[in-house]
């Protein structure tokens, strides 16, 4: 596990190789395994593969431009009505996803908007 943590980097340029459904499922499972206050799990994950939607996501923030070229984008949504700690909880879920990506040999980056 320590190797995954040390291997994780913010990657902003991607290959055109698609991400398999098995890898997408593994990334979602890792994210959902994150701790959350009172086990509220105040998150929702949207998997975006469609090019036109990824391009729109790339335009939402100065630092989300890389969404346009990524083969898949995970949008992590937090529900503030389900927990007073939704920011921390979704951050933990996102970190799990990023660590799992590194473990699978995938490049990933966290873009906040």
N, C-alpha and C. Protein backbone atom coordinates (compact mmCIF):
# COMPACT_ATOMS: atom_id res chain seq x y z
N UNK A 1 0.82 -1.20 0.00
CA UNK A 1 0.00 0.00 0.00
C UNK A 1 0.86 1.25 0.00
N UNK A 2 1.94 1.22 0.74
CA UNK A 2 2.83 2.38 0.80
C UNK A 2 3.38 2.70 -0.59
N UNK A 3 3.62 1.67 -1.38
CA UNK A 3 4.11 1.89 -2.75
C UNK A 3 3.09 2.68 -3.57
N UNK A 4 1.80 2.38 -3.42
CA UNK A 4 0.75 3.12 -4.15
C UNK A 4 0.78 4.58 -3.76
N UNK A 5 0.90 4.82 -2.47
CA UNK A 5 0.91 6.21 -1.98
C UNK A 5 2.10 6.95 -2.55
N UNK A 6 3.25 6.32 -2.55
CA UNK A 6 4.46 6.96 -3.07
C UNK A 6 4.43 7.11 -4.59
N UNK A 7 3.74 6.22 -5.27
CA UNK A 7 3.67 6.23 -6.74
C UNK A 7 2.67 7.25 -7.28
N UNK A 8 1.70 7.65 -6.48
CA UNK A 8 0.65 8.54 -6.94
C UNK A 8 1.23 9.90 -7.34
N UNK A 9 0.86 10.35 -8.51
CA UNK A 9 1.27 11.65 -9.03
C UNK A 9 0.07 12.30 -9.69
N UNK A 10 0.10 13.61 -9.81
CA UNK A 10 -0.95 14.32 -10.55
C UNK A 10 -0.61 14.27 -12.04
N UNK A 11 -1.38 13.51 -12.78
CA UNK A 11 -1.15 13.31 -14.21
C UNK A 11 -2.21 14.10 -14.98
N UNK A 12 -1.76 14.92 -15.91
CA UNK A 12 -2.68 15.78 -16.66
C UNK A 12 -2.69 15.50 -18.16
N UNK A 13 -1.85 14.60 -18.62
CA UNK A 13 -1.84 14.21 -20.03
C UNK A 13 -2.05 12.70 -20.09
N UNK A 14 -2.99 12.29 -20.96
CA UNK A 14 -3.41 10.90 -20.97
C UNK A 14 -3.23 10.27 -22.35
N UNK A 15 -3.15 8.96 -22.36
CA UNK A 15 -3.12 8.22 -23.60
C UNK A 15 -4.56 8.09 -24.11
N UNK A 16 -4.72 7.58 -25.29
CA UNK A 16 -6.07 7.36 -25.84
C UNK A 16 -6.59 5.98 -25.47
N UNK A 17 -5.81 5.22 -24.74
CA UNK A 17 -6.24 3.88 -24.35
C UNK A 17 -7.45 3.96 -23.41
N UNK A 18 -8.51 3.23 -23.72
CA UNK A 18 -9.69 3.30 -22.85
C UNK A 18 -9.43 2.66 -21.49
N UNK A 19 -10.19 3.08 -20.50
CA UNK A 19 -10.13 2.49 -19.17
C UNK A 19 -11.20 1.41 -19.13
N UNK A 20 -10.81 0.21 -18.74
CA UNK A 20 -11.74 -0.92 -18.76
C UNK A 20 -12.86 -0.75 -17.74
N UNK A 21 -13.95 -1.45 -18.00
CA UNK A 21 -15.08 -1.45 -17.05
C UNK A 21 -14.64 -2.03 -15.71
N UNK A 22 -13.77 -3.02 -15.74
CA UNK A 22 -13.28 -3.62 -14.49
C UNK A 22 -12.49 -2.59 -13.68
N UNK A 23 -11.67 -1.78 -14.36
CA UNK A 23 -10.92 -0.75 -13.66
C UNK A 23 -11.84 0.34 -13.12
N UNK A 24 -12.84 0.74 -13.90
CA UNK A 24 -13.81 1.74 -13.43
C UNK A 24 -14.51 1.22 -12.18
N UNK A 25 -14.93 -0.04 -12.20
CA UNK A 25 -15.60 -0.63 -11.04
C UNK A 25 -14.67 -0.66 -9.83
N UNK A 26 -13.41 -1.03 -10.05
CA UNK A 26 -12.45 -1.07 -8.95
C UNK A 26 -12.23 0.32 -8.35
N UNK A 27 -12.16 1.33 -9.21
CA UNK A 27 -11.97 2.70 -8.73
C UNK A 27 -13.17 3.16 -7.91
N UNK A 28 -14.37 2.83 -8.37
CA UNK A 28 -15.58 3.20 -7.62
C UNK A 28 -15.64 2.47 -6.28
N UNK A 29 -15.28 1.20 -6.28
CA UNK A 29 -15.27 0.45 -5.03
C UNK A 29 -14.27 1.03 -4.04
N UNK A 30 -13.12 1.44 -4.53
CA UNK A 30 -12.12 2.06 -3.65
C UNK A 30 -12.65 3.36 -3.07
N UNK A 31 -13.27 4.17 -3.91
CA UNK A 31 -13.82 5.44 -3.44
C UNK A 31 -14.89 5.21 -2.38
N UNK A 32 -15.76 4.25 -2.62
CA UNK A 32 -16.87 3.99 -1.69
C UNK A 32 -16.41 3.33 -0.40
N UNK A 33 -15.19 2.82 -0.37
CA UNK A 33 -14.65 2.21 0.85
C UNK A 33 -14.05 3.25 1.79
N UNK A 34 -14.08 4.50 1.40
CA UNK A 34 -13.51 5.57 2.24
C UNK A 34 -14.31 5.73 3.52
N UNK A 35 -13.66 6.18 4.58
CA UNK A 35 -14.39 6.45 5.81
C UNK A 35 -15.27 7.69 5.64
N UNK A 36 -16.36 7.72 6.40
CA UNK A 36 -17.21 8.91 6.43
C UNK A 36 -17.81 9.04 7.82
N UNK A 37 -18.04 10.27 8.22
CA UNK A 37 -18.59 10.53 9.55
C UNK A 37 -19.93 9.81 9.72
N UNK A 38 -20.05 9.05 10.78
CA UNK A 38 -21.27 8.29 11.07
C UNK A 38 -21.68 7.38 9.92
N UNK A 39 -20.71 7.00 9.10
CA UNK A 39 -20.96 6.16 7.93
C UNK A 39 -22.07 6.74 7.04
N UNK A 40 -22.12 8.07 6.96
CA UNK A 40 -23.18 8.73 6.18
C UNK A 40 -22.98 8.61 4.68
N UNK A 41 -21.76 8.38 4.25
CA UNK A 41 -21.43 8.23 2.83
C UNK A 41 -22.14 9.29 1.98
N UNK A 42 -21.84 10.57 2.24
CA UNK A 42 -22.57 11.65 1.57
C UNK A 42 -22.05 11.96 0.17
N UNK A 43 -21.80 10.93 -0.60
CA UNK A 43 -21.21 11.11 -1.91
C UNK A 43 -22.03 10.44 -3.00
N UNK A 44 -21.76 10.87 -4.18
CA UNK A 44 -22.32 10.27 -5.38
C UNK A 44 -21.22 10.39 -6.44
N UNK A 45 -21.09 9.38 -7.27
CA UNK A 45 -20.04 9.36 -8.28
C UNK A 45 -20.68 9.27 -9.65
N UNK A 46 -20.27 10.15 -10.53
CA UNK A 46 -20.77 10.15 -11.90
C UNK A 46 -19.58 9.82 -12.80
N UNK A 47 -19.72 8.77 -13.59
CA UNK A 47 -18.67 8.35 -14.51
C UNK A 47 -19.00 8.92 -15.89
N UNK A 48 -18.08 9.72 -16.41
CA UNK A 48 -18.32 10.40 -17.70
C UNK A 48 -17.31 9.88 -18.72
N UNK A 49 -17.84 9.23 -19.73
CA UNK A 49 -17.01 8.73 -20.84
C UNK A 49 -17.27 9.52 -22.12
N UNK A 50 -18.46 10.05 -22.26
CA UNK A 50 -18.86 10.72 -23.50
C UNK A 50 -17.99 11.96 -23.74
N UNK A 51 -17.41 12.03 -24.93
CA UNK A 51 -16.47 13.10 -25.26
C UNK A 51 -17.07 14.49 -25.12
N UNK A 52 -18.30 14.69 -25.59
CA UNK A 52 -18.89 16.03 -25.53
C UNK A 52 -19.08 16.48 -24.07
N UNK A 53 -19.42 15.56 -23.19
CA UNK A 53 -19.57 15.91 -21.77
C UNK A 53 -18.22 16.16 -21.11
N UNK A 54 -17.22 15.39 -21.48
CA UNK A 54 -15.88 15.62 -20.93
C UNK A 54 -15.37 16.99 -21.36
N UNK A 55 -15.66 17.38 -22.59
CA UNK A 55 -15.25 18.71 -23.08
C UNK A 55 -15.96 19.82 -22.30
N UNK A 56 -17.24 19.61 -21.99
CA UNK A 56 -17.97 20.61 -21.19
C UNK A 56 -17.39 20.69 -19.78
N UNK A 57 -17.05 19.55 -19.21
CA UNK A 57 -16.42 19.56 -17.88
C UNK A 57 -15.09 20.29 -17.91
N UNK A 58 -14.36 20.15 -19.00
CA UNK A 58 -13.07 20.83 -19.13
C UNK A 58 -13.21 22.34 -19.09
N UNK A 59 -14.37 22.84 -19.45
CA UNK A 59 -14.62 24.28 -19.47
C UNK A 59 -15.15 24.84 -18.16
N UNK A 60 -15.38 24.00 -17.17
CA UNK A 60 -16.01 24.47 -15.93
C UNK A 60 -15.06 25.21 -15.00
N UNK A 61 -13.75 25.02 -15.18
CA UNK A 61 -12.79 25.62 -14.26
C UNK A 61 -11.44 25.72 -14.96
N UNK A 62 -10.66 26.69 -14.59
CA UNK A 62 -9.34 26.88 -15.17
C UNK A 62 -8.49 25.61 -15.11
N UNK A 63 -8.61 24.88 -14.02
CA UNK A 63 -7.73 23.73 -13.81
C UNK A 63 -8.40 22.40 -14.15
N UNK A 64 -9.49 22.41 -14.91
CA UNK A 64 -10.12 21.15 -15.30
C UNK A 64 -9.97 20.86 -16.79
N UNK A 65 -9.08 21.59 -17.47
CA UNK A 65 -8.90 21.45 -18.91
C UNK A 65 -8.60 20.02 -19.34
N UNK A 66 -7.93 19.25 -18.47
CA UNK A 66 -7.51 17.90 -18.83
C UNK A 66 -8.67 16.93 -18.98
N UNK A 67 -9.85 17.30 -18.52
CA UNK A 67 -11.02 16.43 -18.66
C UNK A 67 -11.34 16.14 -20.13
N UNK A 68 -11.04 17.08 -20.99
CA UNK A 68 -11.34 16.93 -22.41
C UNK A 68 -10.61 15.74 -23.02
N UNK A 69 -9.40 15.46 -22.58
CA UNK A 69 -8.58 14.41 -23.18
C UNK A 69 -8.52 13.12 -22.38
N UNK A 70 -9.11 13.11 -21.20
CA UNK A 70 -9.11 11.90 -20.39
C UNK A 70 -10.11 10.90 -20.97
N UNK A 71 -9.79 9.61 -20.96
CA UNK A 71 -10.74 8.64 -21.49
C UNK A 71 -11.98 8.48 -20.60
N UNK A 72 -11.84 8.80 -19.33
CA UNK A 72 -12.97 8.74 -18.39
C UNK A 72 -12.74 9.78 -17.31
N UNK A 73 -13.83 10.40 -16.86
CA UNK A 73 -13.78 11.39 -15.78
C UNK A 73 -14.75 10.94 -14.69
N UNK A 74 -14.29 11.01 -13.46
CA UNK A 74 -15.15 10.72 -12.32
C UNK A 74 -15.51 12.05 -11.67
N UNK A 75 -16.79 12.33 -11.60
CA UNK A 75 -17.26 13.53 -10.91
C UNK A 75 -17.72 13.08 -9.53
N UNK A 76 -17.07 13.61 -8.51
CA UNK A 76 -17.41 13.25 -7.13
C UNK A 76 -18.29 14.37 -6.57
N UNK A 77 -19.51 14.01 -6.23
CA UNK A 77 -20.48 14.98 -5.72
C UNK A 77 -20.70 14.72 -4.23
N UNK A 78 -20.74 15.79 -3.47
CA UNK A 78 -20.99 15.68 -2.03
C UNK A 78 -22.37 16.23 -1.70
N UNK A 79 -23.05 15.55 -0.80
CA UNK A 79 -24.39 15.96 -0.38
C UNK A 79 -24.30 16.60 1.01
N UNK A 80 -24.32 17.92 1.04
CA UNK A 80 -24.18 18.63 2.31
C UNK A 80 -25.36 18.41 3.23
N UNK A 81 -26.50 17.99 2.71
CA UNK A 81 -27.67 17.74 3.55
C UNK A 81 -27.57 16.39 4.28
N UNK A 82 -26.59 15.56 3.92
CA UNK A 82 -26.45 14.24 4.55
C UNK A 82 -25.38 14.19 5.62
N UNK A 83 -24.54 15.23 5.68
CA UNK A 83 -23.47 15.22 6.68
C UNK A 83 -22.86 16.61 6.81
N UNK A 84 -22.52 16.96 8.04
CA UNK A 84 -21.79 18.21 8.26
C UNK A 84 -20.33 18.06 7.84
N UNK A 85 -19.93 16.85 7.52
CA UNK A 85 -18.54 16.56 7.17
C UNK A 85 -18.40 16.09 5.73
N UNK A 86 -19.32 16.51 4.89
CA UNK A 86 -19.33 16.02 3.51
C UNK A 86 -18.06 16.40 2.75
N UNK A 87 -17.47 17.55 3.05
CA UNK A 87 -16.24 17.95 2.35
C UNK A 87 -15.11 16.97 2.69
N UNK A 88 -14.93 16.69 3.97
CA UNK A 88 -13.89 15.75 4.39
C UNK A 88 -14.16 14.36 3.85
N UNK A 89 -15.43 13.94 3.91
CA UNK A 89 -15.79 12.60 3.46
C UNK A 89 -15.57 12.41 1.96
N UNK A 90 -15.97 13.38 1.16
CA UNK A 90 -15.77 13.26 -0.28
C UNK A 90 -14.28 13.40 -0.63
N UNK A 91 -13.55 14.15 0.17
CA UNK A 91 -12.10 14.25 -0.05
C UNK A 91 -11.44 12.90 0.20
N UNK A 92 -11.86 12.21 1.25
CA UNK A 92 -11.30 10.89 1.53
C UNK A 92 -11.65 9.91 0.41
N UNK A 93 -12.86 9.97 -0.09
CA UNK A 93 -13.28 9.10 -1.20
C UNK A 93 -12.46 9.39 -2.45
N UNK A 94 -12.22 10.66 -2.71
CA UNK A 94 -11.42 11.05 -3.87
C UNK A 94 -9.99 10.55 -3.73
N UNK A 95 -9.42 10.69 -2.54
CA UNK A 95 -8.06 10.21 -2.33
C UNK A 95 -7.99 8.70 -2.53
N UNK A 96 -8.97 7.97 -2.05
CA UNK A 96 -8.99 6.52 -2.27
C UNK A 96 -8.99 6.21 -3.76
N UNK A 97 -9.81 6.95 -4.51
CA UNK A 97 -9.89 6.75 -5.95
C UNK A 97 -8.53 7.02 -6.61
N UNK A 98 -7.87 8.10 -6.21
CA UNK A 98 -6.56 8.44 -6.77
C UNK A 98 -5.51 7.39 -6.43
N UNK A 99 -5.52 6.89 -5.22
CA UNK A 99 -4.57 5.86 -4.83
C UNK A 99 -4.82 4.56 -5.59
N UNK A 100 -6.10 4.22 -5.76
CA UNK A 100 -6.43 3.02 -6.53
C UNK A 100 -6.00 3.17 -7.98
N UNK A 101 -6.15 4.35 -8.54
CA UNK A 101 -5.70 4.59 -9.92
C UNK A 101 -4.20 4.34 -10.03
N UNK A 102 -3.44 4.85 -9.08
CA UNK A 102 -1.99 4.63 -9.08
C UNK A 102 -1.68 3.14 -8.98
N UNK A 103 -2.41 2.45 -8.13
CA UNK A 103 -2.21 1.01 -7.96
C UNK A 103 -2.52 0.22 -9.22
N UNK A 104 -3.45 0.74 -10.03
CA UNK A 104 -3.83 0.08 -11.28
C UNK A 104 -2.96 0.52 -12.46
N UNK A 105 -2.02 1.42 -12.18
CA UNK A 105 -1.16 1.91 -13.25
C UNK A 105 -1.81 2.96 -14.13
N UNK A 106 -2.84 3.61 -13.59
CA UNK A 106 -3.55 4.65 -14.34
C UNK A 106 -3.12 6.04 -13.87
N UNK A 107 -3.12 6.98 -14.78
CA UNK A 107 -2.84 8.37 -14.43
C UNK A 107 -4.11 9.07 -14.02
N UNK A 108 -4.03 9.95 -13.03
CA UNK A 108 -5.21 10.67 -12.57
C UNK A 108 -4.78 11.97 -11.89
N UNK A 109 -5.71 12.87 -11.79
CA UNK A 109 -5.48 14.13 -11.09
C UNK A 109 -6.80 14.58 -10.48
N UNK A 110 -6.70 15.32 -9.40
CA UNK A 110 -7.86 15.87 -8.71
C UNK A 110 -8.05 17.30 -9.21
N UNK A 111 -9.19 17.59 -9.76
CA UNK A 111 -9.52 18.95 -10.20
C UNK A 111 -10.77 19.40 -9.46
N UNK A 112 -10.68 20.47 -8.74
CA UNK A 112 -11.81 20.99 -7.96
C UNK A 112 -12.52 22.08 -8.74
N UNK A 113 -13.83 22.02 -8.76
CA UNK A 113 -14.58 23.12 -9.37
C UNK A 113 -15.86 23.36 -8.62
